[in-house]
Amino acid sequence: MRTPVDPQRLTRRRVEAGLSQNALARAIGVSKQLVSAVSLGKANFSPETLSKAAEVLGCEIADLLPENDAEFHALTQRPAS
């Protein structure tokens, strides 16, 4: 399963962190080509990779997702079991 990433939000956070696509790719353990494809909206990260990206970029996972990602918001609104 892949998690939809907002390309503009990812790029903004990456630039704010002072990282190139290549540097982000190395930090999260994926290819530069995947980071490029995600940044263009042509691919998405796995949930694990998205979590790593958020950690490296110093933000929450939600900061990298589309604002209207209903599935994510539904998951985050569920009470803990």
PDB file of N, CA and C in Angstrom:
ATOM      1  N   MET A   1       0.841  -1.183   0.000  1.00  0.00           N
ATOM      2  CA  MET A   1       0.000   0.000   0.000  1.00  0.00           C
ATOM      3  C   MET A   1       0.886   1.246   0.000  1.00  0.00           C
ATOM      4  N   ARG A   2       0.525   2.196  -0.796  1.00  0.00           N
ATOM      5  CA  ARG A   2       1.248   3.459  -0.876  1.00  0.00           C
ATOM      6  C   ARG A   2       0.398   4.555  -0.272  1.00  0.00           C
ATOM      7  N   THR A   3       1.056   5.512   0.338  1.00  0.00           N
ATOM      8  CA  THR A   3       0.364   6.615   0.987  1.00  0.00           C
ATOM      9  C   THR A   3       0.473   7.852   0.117  1.00  0.00           C
ATOM     10  N   PRO A   4      -0.665   8.477  -0.226  1.00  0.00           N
ATOM     11  CA  PRO A   4      -0.607   9.652  -1.094  1.00  0.00           C
ATOM     12  C   PRO A   4       0.112  10.813  -0.415  1.00  0.00           C
ATOM     13  N   VAL A   5       1.078  11.355  -1.123  1.00  0.00           N
ATOM     14  CA  VAL A   5       1.859  12.485  -0.630  1.00  0.00           C
ATOM     15  C   VAL A   5       1.494  13.702  -1.464  1.00  0.00           C
ATOM     16  N   ASP A   6       1.385  14.850  -0.831  1.00  0.00           N
ATOM     17  CA  ASP A   6       1.157  16.101  -1.553  1.00  0.00           C
ATOM     18  C   ASP A   6       2.516  16.564  -2.076  1.00  0.00           C
ATOM     19  N   PRO A   7       2.723  16.539  -3.398  1.00  0.00           N
ATOM     20  CA  PRO A   7       4.033  16.884  -3.959  1.00  0.00           C
ATOM     21  C   PRO A   7       4.530  18.270  -3.555  1.00  0.00           C
ATOM     22  N   GLN A   8       3.641  19.236  -3.527  1.00  0.00           N
ATOM     23  CA  GLN A   8       4.054  20.600  -3.174  1.00  0.00           C
ATOM     24  C   GLN A   8       4.471  20.691  -1.712  1.00  0.00           C
ATOM     25  N   ARG A   9       3.747  20.004  -0.856  1.00  0.00           N
ATOM     26  CA  ARG A   9       4.084  20.032   0.574  1.00  0.00           C
ATOM     27  C   ARG A   9       5.424  19.332   0.824  1.00  0.00           C
ATOM     28  N   LEU A  10       5.644  18.207   0.143  1.00  0.00           N
ATOM     29  CA  LEU A  10       6.915  17.496   0.282  1.00  0.00           C
ATOM     30  C   LEU A  10       8.066  18.382  -0.179  1.00  0.00           C
ATOM     31  N   THR A  11       7.913  18.988  -1.338  1.00  0.00           N
ATOM     32  CA  THR A  11       8.976  19.841  -1.872  1.00  0.00           C
ATOM     33  C   THR A  11       9.242  21.026  -0.954  1.00  0.00           C
ATOM     34  N   ARG A  12       8.181  21.657  -0.471  1.00  0.00           N
ATOM     35  CA  ARG A  12       8.356  22.808   0.419  1.00  0.00           C
ATOM     36  C   ARG A  12       9.119  22.407   1.684  1.00  0.00           C
ATOM     37  N   ARG A  13       8.733  21.307   2.292  1.00  0.00           N
ATOM     38  CA  ARG A  13       9.403  20.849   3.517  1.00  0.00           C
ATOM     39  C   ARG A  13      10.863  20.469   3.232  1.00  0.00           C
ATOM     40  N   ARG A  14      11.104  19.840   2.096  1.00  0.00           N
ATOM     41  CA  ARG A  14      12.470  19.440   1.746  1.00  0.00           C
ATOM     42  C   ARG A  14      13.360  20.663   1.553  1.00  0.00           C
ATOM     43  N   VAL A  15      12.851  21.656   0.828  1.00  0.00           N
ATOM     44  CA  VAL A  15      13.610  22.886   0.587  1.00  0.00           C
ATOM     45  C   VAL A  15      13.842  23.630   1.898  1.00  0.00           C
ATOM     46  N   GLU A  16      12.806  23.716   2.742  1.00  0.00           N
ATOM     47  CA  GLU A  16      12.948  24.377   4.044  1.00  0.00           C
ATOM     48  C   GLU A  16      14.004  23.692   4.908  1.00  0.00           C
ATOM     49  N   ALA A  17      14.141  22.382   4.744  1.00  0.00           N
ATOM     50  CA  ALA A  17      15.131  21.622   5.510  1.00  0.00           C
ATOM     51  C   ALA A  17      16.526  21.735   4.898  1.00  0.00           C
ATOM     52  N   GLY A  18      16.604  22.365   3.726  1.00  0.00           N
ATOM     53  CA  GLY A  18      17.896  22.540   3.068  1.00  0.00           C
ATOM     54  C   GLY A  18      18.442  21.273   2.446  1.00  0.00           C
ATOM     55  N   LEU A  19      17.541  20.366   2.047  1.00  0.00           N
ATOM     56  CA  LEU A  19      17.962  19.091   1.472  1.00  0.00           C
ATOM     57  C   LEU A  19      17.679  19.032  -0.023  1.00  0.00           C
ATOM     58  N   SER A  20      18.588  18.432  -0.759  1.00  0.00           N
ATOM     59  CA  SER A  20      18.340  18.127  -2.166  1.00  0.00           C
ATOM     60  C   SER A  20      17.498  16.851  -2.225  1.00  0.00           C
ATOM     61  N   GLN A  21      16.973  16.540  -3.390  1.00  0.00           N
ATOM     62  CA  GLN A  21      16.237  15.284  -3.538  1.00  0.00           C
ATOM     63  C   GLN A  21      17.158  14.110  -3.232  1.00  0.00           C
ATOM     64  N   ASN A  22      18.400  14.203  -3.695  1.00  0.00           N
ATOM     65  CA  ASN A  22      19.362  13.136  -3.469  1.00  0.00           C
ATOM     66  C   ASN A  22      19.648  12.954  -1.979  1.00  0.00           C
ATOM     67  N   ALA A  23      19.818  14.058  -1.257  1.00  0.00           N
ATOM     68  CA  ALA A  23      20.090  13.977   0.180  1.00  0.00           C
ATOM     69  C   ALA A  23      18.904  13.379   0.933  1.00  0.00           C
ATOM     70  N   LEU A  24      17.686  13.775   0.565  1.00  0.00           N
ATOM     71  CA  LEU A  24      16.502  13.202   1.206  1.00  0.00           C
ATOM     72  C   LEU A  24      16.422  11.712   0.912  1.00  0.00           C
ATOM     73  N   ALA A  25      16.660  11.343  -0.337  1.00  0.00           N
ATOM     74  CA  ALA A  25      16.608   9.934  -0.723  1.00  0.00           C
ATOM     75  C   ALA A  25      17.579   9.102   0.116  1.00  0.00           C
ATOM     76  N   ARG A  26      18.806   9.575   0.245  1.00  0.00           N
ATOM     77  CA  ARG A  26      19.800   8.850   1.052  1.00  0.00           C
ATOM     78  C   ARG A  26      19.345   8.741   2.507  1.00  0.00           C
ATOM     79  N   ALA A  27      18.799   9.821   3.040  1.00  0.00           N
ATOM     80  CA  ALA A  27      18.393   9.846   4.451  1.00  0.00           C
ATOM     81  C   ALA A  27      17.246   8.886   4.754  1.00  0.00           C
ATOM     82  N   ILE A  28      16.373   8.660   3.774  1.00  0.00           N
ATOM     83  CA  ILE A  28      15.213   7.794   4.028  1.00  0.00           C
ATOM     84  C   ILE A  28      15.351   6.416   3.379  1.00  0.00           C
ATOM     85  N   GLY A  29      16.483   6.179   2.707  1.00  0.00           N
ATOM     86  CA  GLY A  29      16.770   4.848   2.181  1.00  0.00           C
ATOM     87  C   GLY A  29      16.038   4.467   0.916  1.00  0.00           C
ATOM     88  N   VAL A  30      15.787   5.446   0.047  1.00  0.00           N
ATOM     89  CA  VAL A  30      15.159   5.165  -1.244  1.00  0.00           C
ATOM     90  C   VAL A  30      15.997   5.799  -2.349  1.00  0.00           C
ATOM     91  N   SER A  31      15.626   5.539  -3.586  1.00  0.00           N
ATOM     92  CA  SER A  31      16.358   6.123  -4.709  1.00  0.00           C
ATOM     93  C   SER A  31      15.965   7.580  -4.925  1.00  0.00           C
ATOM     94  N   LYS A  32      16.876   8.317  -5.531  1.00  0.00           N
ATOM     95  CA  LYS A  32      16.589   9.705  -5.898  1.00  0.00           C
ATOM     96  C   LYS A  32      15.438   9.730  -6.899  1.00  0.00           C
ATOM     97  N   GLN A  33      15.359   8.703  -7.737  1.00  0.00           N
ATOM     98  CA  GLN A  33      14.292   8.626  -8.733  1.00  0.00           C
ATOM     99  C   GLN A  33      12.924   8.539  -8.066  1.00  0.00           C
ATOM    100  N   LEU A  34      12.835   7.801  -6.953  1.00  0.00           N
ATOM    101  CA  LEU A  34      11.549   7.714  -6.253  1.00  0.00           C
ATOM    102  C   LEU A  34      11.188   9.060  -5.643  1.00  0.00           C
ATOM    103  N   VAL A  35      12.142   9.718  -5.007  1.00  0.00           N
ATOM    104  CA  VAL A  35      11.863  11.037  -4.428  1.00  0.00           C
ATOM    105  C   VAL A  35      11.420  11.994  -5.527  1.00  0.00           C
ATOM    106  N   SER A  36      12.080  11.940  -6.670  1.00  0.00           N
ATOM    107  CA  SER A  36      11.708  12.801  -7.796  1.00  0.00           C
ATOM    108  C   SER A  36      10.290  12.494  -8.270  1.00  0.00           C
ATOM    109  N   ALA A  37       9.972  11.213  -8.409  1.00  0.00           N
ATOM    110  CA  ALA A  37       8.635  10.820  -8.873  1.00  0.00           C
ATOM    111  C   ALA A  37       7.555  11.247  -7.884  1.00  0.00           C
ATOM    112  N   VAL A  38       7.818  11.104  -6.593  1.00  0.00           N
ATOM    113  CA  VAL A  38       6.851  11.533  -5.576  1.00  0.00           C
ATOM    114  C   VAL A  38       6.692  13.049  -5.632  1.00  0.00           C
ATOM    115  N   SER A  39       7.796  13.756  -5.826  1.00  0.00           N
ATOM    116  CA  SER A  39       7.764  15.220  -5.899  1.00  0.00           C
ATOM    117  C   SER A  39       6.995  15.723  -7.114  1.00  0.00           C
ATOM    118  N   LEU A  40       6.887  14.879  -8.127  1.00  0.00           N
ATOM    119  CA  LEU A  40       6.128  15.224  -9.332  1.00  0.00           C
ATOM    120  C   LEU A  40       4.698  14.681  -9.290  1.00  0.00           C
ATOM    121  N   GLY A  41       4.346  13.976  -8.233  1.00  0.00           N
ATOM    122  CA  GLY A  41       3.004  13.410  -8.120  1.00  0.00           C
ATOM    123  C   GLY A  41       2.803  12.156  -8.940  1.00  0.00           C
ATOM    124  N   LYS A  42       3.897  11.513  -9.350  1.00  0.00           N
ATOM    125  CA  LYS A  42       3.806  10.321 -10.195  1.00  0.00           C
ATOM    126  C   LYS A  42       3.959   9.022  -9.413  1.00  0.00           C
ATOM    127  N   ALA A  43       4.300   9.128  -8.146  1.00  0.00           N
ATOM    128  CA  ALA A  43       4.477   7.951  -7.289  1.00  0.00           C
ATOM    129  C   ALA A  43       4.198   8.371  -5.855  1.00  0.00           C
ATOM    130  N   ASN A  44       4.172   7.405  -4.967  1.00  0.00           N
ATOM    131  CA  ASN A  44       3.965   7.678  -3.540  1.00  0.00           C
ATOM    132  C   ASN A  44       4.909   6.826  -2.718  1.00  0.00           C
ATOM    133  N   PHE A  45       5.124   7.236  -1.492  1.00  0.00           N
ATOM    134  CA  PHE A  45       5.948   6.476  -0.565  1.00  0.00           C
ATOM    135  C   PHE A  45       5.105   5.411   0.124  1.00  0.00           C
ATOM    136  N   SER A  46       5.773   4.361   0.585  1.00  0.00           N
ATOM    137  CA  SER A  46       5.117   3.411   1.477  1.00  0.00           C
ATOM    138  C   SER A  46       4.892   4.124   2.808  1.00  0.00           C
ATOM    139  N   PRO A  47       3.998   3.626   3.641  1.00  0.00           N
ATOM    140  CA  PRO A  47       3.791   4.260   4.947  1.00  0.00           C
ATOM    141  C   PRO A  47       5.084   4.363   5.766  1.00  0.00           C
ATOM    142  N   GLU A  48       5.917   3.327   5.699  1.00  0.00           N
ATOM    143  CA  GLU A  48       7.174   3.346   6.447  1.00  0.00           C
ATOM    144  C   GLU A  48       8.103   4.444   5.939  1.00  0.00           C
ATOM    145  N   THR A  49       8.193   4.579   4.615  1.00  0.00           N
ATOM    146  CA  THR A  49       9.059   5.599   4.025  1.00  0.00           C
ATOM    147  C   THR A  49       8.514   6.989   4.306  1.00  0.00           C
ATOM    148  N   LEU A  50       7.206   7.135   4.269  1.00  0.00           N
ATOM    149  CA  LEU A  50       6.597   8.429   4.584  1.00  0.00           C
ATOM    150  C   LEU A  50       6.923   8.829   6.021  1.00  0.00           C
ATOM    151  N   SER A  51       6.871   7.877   6.925  1.00  0.00           N
ATOM    152  CA  SER A  51       7.205   8.146   8.322  1.00  0.00           C
ATOM    153  C   SER A  51       8.660   8.593   8.458  1.00  0.00           C
ATOM    154  N   LYS A  52       9.561   7.917   7.749  1.00  0.00           N
ATOM    155  CA  LYS A  52      10.975   8.307   7.770  1.00  0.00           C
ATOM    156  C   LYS A  52      11.158   9.708   7.197  1.00  0.00           C
ATOM    157  N   ALA A  53      10.460  10.004   6.107  1.00  0.00           N
ATOM    158  CA  ALA A  53      10.578  11.326   5.481  1.00  0.00           C
ATOM    159  C   ALA A  53      10.135  12.416   6.449  1.00  0.00           C
ATOM    160  N   ALA A  54       9.023  12.193   7.123  1.00  0.00           N
ATOM    161  CA  ALA A  54       8.537  13.187   8.086  1.00  0.00           C
ATOM    162  C   ALA A  54       9.563  13.397   9.197  1.00  0.00           C
ATOM    163  N   GLU A  55      10.151  12.319   9.672  1.00  0.00           N
ATOM    164  CA  GLU A  55      11.159  12.426  10.734  1.00  0.00           C
ATOM    165  C   GLU A  55      12.368  13.229  10.256  1.00  0.00           C
ATOM    166  N   VAL A  56      12.872  12.905   9.074  1.00  0.00           N
ATOM    167  CA  VAL A  56      14.037  13.604   8.523  1.00  0.00           C
ATOM    168  C   VAL A  56      13.725  15.077   8.276  1.00  0.00           C
ATOM    169  N   LEU A  57      12.505  15.359   7.821  1.00  0.00           N
ATOM    170  CA  LEU A  57      12.119  16.735   7.501  1.00  0.00           C
ATOM    171  C   LEU A  57      11.647  17.514   8.729  1.00  0.00           C
ATOM    172  N   GLY A  58      11.573  16.847   9.866  1.00  0.00           N
ATOM    173  CA  GLY A  58      11.195  17.530  11.100  1.00  0.00           C
ATOM    174  C   GLY A  58       9.751  17.984  11.129  1.00  0.00           C
ATOM    175  N   CYS A  59       8.868  17.137  10.597  1.00  0.00           N
ATOM    176  CA  CYS A  59       7.454  17.495  10.575  1.00  0.00           C
ATOM    177  C   CYS A  59       6.608  16.272  10.887  1.00  0.00           C
ATOM    178  N   GLU A  60       5.317  16.475  10.960  1.00  0.00           N
ATOM    179  CA  GLU A  60       4.367  15.380  11.157  1.00  0.00           C
ATOM    180  C   GLU A  60       4.033  14.766   9.799  1.00  0.00           C
ATOM    181  N   ILE A  61       3.637  13.509   9.806  1.00  0.00           N
ATOM    182  CA  ILE A  61       3.218  12.854   8.564  1.00  0.00           C
ATOM    183  C   ILE A  61       2.112  13.666   7.899  1.00  0.00           C
ATOM    184  N   ALA A  62       1.175  14.159   8.687  1.00  0.00           N
ATOM    185  CA  ALA A  62       0.046  14.928   8.141  1.00  0.00           C
ATOM    186  C   ALA A  62       0.511  16.150   7.358  1.00  0.00           C
ATOM    187  N   ASP A  63       1.686  16.679   7.694  1.00  0.00           N
ATOM    188  CA  ASP A  63       2.207  17.850   6.988  1.00  0.00           C
ATOM    189  C   ASP A  63       2.613  17.532   5.560  1.00  0.00           C
ATOM    190  N   LEU A  64       2.743  16.248   5.232  1.00  0.00           N
ATOM    191  CA  LEU A  64       3.154  15.839   3.892  1.00  0.00           C
ATOM    192  C   LEU A  64       1.996  15.299   3.060  1.00  0.00           C
ATOM    193  N   LEU A  65       0.831  15.197   3.669  1.00  0.00           N
ATOM    194  CA  LEU A  65      -0.341  14.653   2.981  1.00  0.00           C
ATOM    195  C   LEU A  65      -1.243  15.769   2.493  1.00  0.00           C
ATOM    196  N   PRO A  66      -2.081  15.464   1.498  1.00  0.00           N
ATOM    197  CA  PRO A  66      -3.065  16.465   1.067  1.00  0.00           C
ATOM    198  C   PRO A  66      -3.958  16.854   2.241  1.00  0.00           C
ATOM    199  N   GLU A  67      -4.322  18.110   2.304  1.00  0.00           N
ATOM    200  CA  GLU A  67      -5.159  18.593   3.411  1.00  0.00           C
ATOM    201  C   GLU A  67      -6.492  17.872   3.484  1.00  0.00           C
ATOM    202  N   ASN A  68      -6.983  17.407   2.361  1.00  0.00           N
ATOM    203  CA  ASN A  68      -8.300  16.767   2.324  1.00  0.00           C
ATOM    204  C   ASN A  68      -8.194  15.247   2.273  1.00  0.00           C
ATOM    205  N   ASP A  69      -7.112  14.676   2.793  1.00  0.00           N
ATOM    206  CA  ASP A  69      -6.937  13.229   2.783  1.00  0.00           C
ATOM    207  C   ASP A  69      -7.890  12.601   3.802  1.00  0.00           C
ATOM    208  N   ALA A  70      -9.073  12.260   3.338  1.00  0.00           N
ATOM    209  CA  ALA A  70     -10.133  11.762   4.218  1.00  0.00           C
ATOM    210  C   ALA A  70      -9.726  10.473   4.931  1.00  0.00           C
ATOM    211  N   GLU A  71      -9.041   9.588   4.228  1.00  0.00           N
ATOM    212  CA  GLU A  71      -8.640   8.315   4.839  1.00  0.00           C
ATOM    213  C   GLU A  71      -7.704   8.561   6.025  1.00  0.00           C
ATOM    214  N   PHE A  72      -6.721   9.435   5.857  1.00  0.00           N
ATOM    215  CA  PHE A  72      -5.794   9.732   6.949  1.00  0.00           C
ATOM    216  C   PHE A  72      -6.532  10.349   8.127  1.00  0.00           C
ATOM    217  N   HIS A  73      -7.368  11.325   7.834  1.00  0.00           N
ATOM    218  CA  HIS A  73      -8.077  12.008   8.912  1.00  0.00           C
ATOM    219  C   HIS A  73      -9.032  11.061   9.641  1.00  0.00           C
ATOM    220  N   ALA A  74      -9.627  10.125   8.920  1.00  0.00           N
ATOM    221  CA  ALA A  74     -10.499   9.141   9.563  1.00  0.00           C
ATOM    222  C   ALA A  74      -9.687   8.257  10.507  1.00  0.00           C
ATOM    223  N   LEU A  75      -8.495   7.859  10.082  1.00  0.00           N
ATOM    224  CA  LEU A  75      -7.650   7.021  10.930  1.00  0.00           C
ATOM    225  C   LEU A  75      -7.186   7.761  12.172  1.00  0.00           C
ATOM    226  N   THR A  76      -6.877   9.029  12.023  1.00  0.00           N
ATOM    227  CA  THR A  76      -6.363   9.784  13.165  1.00  0.00           C
ATOM    228  C   THR A  76      -7.466  10.185  14.132  1.00  0.00           C
ATOM    229  N   GLN A  77      -8.718  10.093  13.718  1.00  0.00           N
ATOM    230  CA  GLN A  77      -9.825  10.468  14.595  1.00  0.00           C
ATOM    231  C   GLN A  77     -10.367   9.285  15.385  1.00  0.00           C
ATOM    232  N   ARG A  78      -9.902   8.069  15.059  1.00  0.00           N
ATOM    233  CA  ARG A  78     -10.375   6.888  15.783  1.00  0.00           C
ATOM    234  C   ARG A  78      -9.790   6.865  17.187  1.00  0.00           C
ATOM    235  N   PRO A  79     -10.613   6.498  18.168  1.00  0.00           N
ATOM    236  CA  PRO A  79     -10.072   6.374  19.526  1.00  0.00           C
ATOM    237  C   PRO A  79      -9.076   5.214  19.592  1.00  0.00           C
ATOM    238  N   ALA A  80      -8.071   5.342  20.415  1.00  0.00           N
ATOM    239  CA  ALA A  80      -7.078   4.277  20.580  1.00  0.00           C
ATOM    240  C   ALA A  80      -7.743   3.060  21.206  1.00  0.00           C
ATOM    241  N   SER A  81      -7.340   1.872  20.735  1.00  0.00           N
ATOM    242  CA  SER A  81      -7.921   0.645  21.290  1.00  0.00           C
ATOM    243  C   SER A  81      -7.171   0.186  22.498  1.00  0.00           C
TER     244      SER A  81
END
